Protein backbone atom coordinates (compact mmCIF):
# COMPACT_ATOMS: atom_id res chain seq x y z
CA MET A 1 -4.53 -12.22 22.39
CA ASN A 2 -1.56 -13.94 20.83
CA GLU A 3 1.14 -12.95 18.07
CA LYS A 4 -0.73 -15.16 15.51
CA ILE A 5 -4.13 -13.68 16.06
CA ALA A 6 -2.70 -10.19 16.03
CA SER A 7 -0.79 -10.66 12.88
CA HIS A 8 -3.88 -12.12 10.98
CA ILE A 9 -6.17 -9.35 12.00
CA GLY A 10 -3.34 -7.02 10.85
CA GLY A 11 -2.57 -8.75 7.67
CA TRP A 12 -6.37 -8.66 6.63
CA GLN A 13 -7.07 -5.05 7.90
CA GLY A 14 -3.72 -4.29 6.04
CA ILE A 15 -5.30 -5.56 2.71
CA LYS A 16 -8.67 -3.61 3.19
CA SER A 17 -6.47 -0.56 3.90
CA VAL A 18 -4.64 -0.97 0.69
CA GLY A 19 -7.84 -1.73 -1.27
CA ILE A 20 -9.10 1.48 -0.27
CA GLY A 21 -6.02 3.50 -1.26
CA LEU A 22 -5.88 1.58 -4.52
CA LEU A 23 -9.77 2.81 -4.98
CA ILE A 24 -9.29 6.40 -4.12
CA VAL A 25 -6.17 6.43 -6.58
CA HIS A 26 -8.24 4.76 -9.30
CA LEU A 27 -10.95 7.27 -8.82
CA PHE A 28 -8.45 10.14 -8.74
CA MET A 29 -7.18 8.93 -12.25
CA ALA A 30 -10.52 8.37 -13.48
CA TRP A 31 -11.28 11.87 -12.68
CA VAL A 32 -7.79 13.13 -14.39
CA THR A 33 -8.92 11.46 -17.66
CA SER A 34 -12.17 13.23 -17.54
CA ASP A 35 -13.96 10.97 -19.90
CA PHE A 36 -16.71 9.50 -17.85
CA PRO A 37 -17.86 6.79 -17.80
CA HIS A 38 -14.84 5.37 -19.86
CA ALA A 39 -12.45 7.11 -17.44
CA LEU A 40 -13.21 3.99 -15.06
CA ILE A 41 -11.10 1.72 -17.22
CA TRP A 42 -8.49 4.13 -17.70
CA PHE A 43 -5.82 1.66 -17.36
CA LEU A 44 -7.12 -0.48 -20.26
CA ASP A 45 -5.98 2.39 -22.50
CA VAL A 46 -2.25 2.63 -21.41
CA ASP A 47 0.79 0.33 -22.57
CA TYR A 48 2.02 -0.24 -19.15
CA LYS A 49 -1.03 -2.77 -17.89
CA LEU A 50 1.40 -5.20 -16.75
CA ASN A 51 3.41 -2.72 -14.65
CA ILE A 52 0.07 -1.75 -13.04
CA LEU A 53 -1.08 -5.72 -12.30
CA ILE A 54 2.60 -5.82 -10.88
CA GLY A 55 2.14 -2.79 -8.90
CA VAL A 56 -1.25 -3.65 -7.48
CA ALA A 57 0.11 -7.21 -6.59
CA ILE A 58 2.94 -5.88 -4.62
CA THR A 59 1.20 -3.35 -2.95
CA LEU A 60 -1.50 -5.96 -1.64
CA VAL A 61 1.22 -8.27 -0.67
CA MET A 62 3.29 -5.23 1.20
CA GLY A 63 0.04 -4.14 2.74
CA PHE A 64 -0.49 -7.61 4.12
CA VAL A 65 3.05 -7.98 5.49
CA SER A 66 2.92 -4.53 6.95
CA GLY A 67 -0.06 -4.95 8.40
CA MET A 68 0.93 -8.20 10.01
CA SER A 69 3.74 -6.10 11.81
CA ALA A 70 1.23 -2.96 12.54
CA GLY A 71 -0.82 -5.69 13.94
CA ARG A 72 1.30 -7.07 16.25
CA ALA A 73 2.64 -3.22 17.23
CA ILE A 74 -0.88 -2.07 18.02
CA LEU A 75 -2.70 -5.29 19.37
CA ILE A 76 0.02 -6.77 21.25
CA ASN A 77 2.32 -3.93 22.72
CA GLY A 78 -0.69 -1.13 22.50
CA THR A 79 1.29 1.16 20.51
CA ASN A 80 -0.47 4.39 19.29
CA ALA A 81 -2.79 3.02 16.25
CA TYR A 82 -3.24 6.11 14.17
CA LEU A 83 0.62 6.75 14.34
CA VAL A 84 1.38 2.78 13.26
CA GLY A 85 -1.32 2.59 10.82
CA LEU A 86 0.21 6.06 9.32
CA LEU A 87 3.98 4.94 9.27
CA PHE A 88 2.89 1.40 8.23
CA SER A 89 0.90 2.86 5.32
CA LEU A 90 3.42 4.90 4.35
CA VAL A 91 6.45 2.18 4.45
CA THR A 92 3.77 0.24 1.92
CA LEU A 93 3.58 3.15 -0.25
CA PHE A 94 6.85 3.80 -0.63
CA SER A 95 8.31 0.18 -0.84
CA SER A 96 5.46 -0.84 -3.25
CA VAL A 97 6.26 1.88 -5.77
CA VAL A 98 9.96 1.21 -5.73
CA LEU A 99 9.38 -2.32 -6.07
CA ALA A 100 7.04 -1.85 -8.91
CA GLY A 101 9.79 0.31 -10.47
CA LEU A 102 11.73 -2.39 -10.79
CA THR A 103 9.38 -4.01 -13.06
CA GLY A 104 9.77 -1.38 -16.25
CA PHE A 105 13.69 -1.24 -15.13
CA PHE A 106 14.14 -5.11 -15.76
CA GLN A 107 11.81 -4.90 -18.79
CA GLU A 108 13.01 -1.96 -20.81
CA GLY A 109 15.65 -0.13 -18.56
CA ILE A 110 18.40 -2.31 -18.75
CA GLN A 111 18.11 -3.41 -22.39
CA ASN A 112 18.07 -0.15 -23.80
CA GLU A 113 21.73 1.22 -24.58
CA ARG A 114 22.02 3.59 -21.78
CA SER A 115 23.71 3.84 -18.56
CA LEU A 116 22.33 1.67 -15.52
CA ASN A 117 21.96 5.28 -14.22
CA GLU A 118 19.63 6.82 -16.49
CA ALA A 119 17.80 3.65 -16.66
CA ALA A 120 17.48 3.45 -13.14
CA TYR A 121 16.26 7.25 -12.88
CA ASP A 122 13.69 7.09 -15.68
CA TYR A 123 12.23 3.54 -14.44
CA ILE A 124 12.51 3.69 -10.70
CA ILE A 125 12.96 7.29 -9.36
CA LYS A 126 10.67 9.32 -11.80
CA PRO A 127 7.99 6.32 -11.21
CA ALA A 128 8.38 6.20 -7.72
CA LEU A 129 8.29 10.09 -7.26
CA ARG A 130 4.96 10.57 -9.35
CA MET A 131 3.23 7.45 -7.83
CA SER A 132 4.39 8.98 -4.00
CA ILE A 133 2.76 12.52 -4.81
CA ILE A 134 -0.52 10.91 -6.20
CA GLY A 135 -0.60 8.05 -3.50
CA ILE A 136 0.31 10.10 -0.34
CA MET A 137 -3.17 11.39 0.27
CA PRO A 138 -4.79 7.77 -0.05
CA ALA A 139 -1.88 6.19 1.86
CA ILE A 140 -2.53 8.78 4.81
CA PHE A 141 -6.37 8.31 4.90
CA ALA A 142 -5.93 4.57 4.50
CA GLY A 143 -2.96 4.45 7.34
CA PHE A 144 -5.91 6.35 9.79
CA TRP A 145 -8.59 4.08 8.58
CA PHE A 146 -6.09 0.84 9.34
CA GLY A 147 -5.12 2.37 12.80
CA TYR A 148 -8.80 2.90 13.70
CA ARG A 149 -10.04 -0.64 12.66
CA LEU A 150 -7.32 -1.95 14.54
CA LYS A 151 -7.89 0.20 17.60
CA ALA A 152 -11.61 -1.25 17.15
CA LYS A 153 -10.62 -4.69 16.93
CA MET A 154 -8.33 -4.07 20.25
CA LYS A 155 -11.62 -2.96 22.24
CA ILE A 156 -13.57 -6.18 20.60
CA PHE A 157 -10.52 -8.68 21.64
CA GLY A 158 -8.92 -7.14 24.46
CA ASN A 159 -5.63 -5.64 24.58
CA LYS A 160 -2.23 -6.24 26.24
CA GLU A 161 -3.48 -6.40 29.80
CA ASN A 162 -6.14 -9.01 28.46
CA LYS A 163 -3.93 -11.27 26.44
CA GLU A 164 -6.46 -14.25 26.70
CA ALA A 165 -9.38 -12.53 25.22
CA ILE A 166 -9.84 -14.88 22.57
């Protein structure tokens, strides 16, 4: 298997893993609002719809990019699939929440008459901590699932000893 194919497989499995994690977080948020079935569209009732949309887009992109690197590490180098899946899932979560927090920071934080430190704390640090707490369990699950899926792909397409399996 060559690096291009490993990156491609890893990237798309990364998007699928992110989708699973986002679905788990969505269902958790729906459960927290506890107004079923209206709770399934909880995101339509908040004032930060754009931030959610941008956060989801960033998370999908980060999942693809991280998945490409993880795909090479697992499929080419034969690194432990579950460990790599977990690590890249956590990298995706933490980088996504920080980058998504920049949306609110640039929209409102720097326009207010506060110091940049206060704005950074309110619009980057606090949301990142909250989303990390909410997202850590789905990220762990999605990371292990990602590792499992790539390990299965390695059995199908071959591993580092059989680089020409495709």
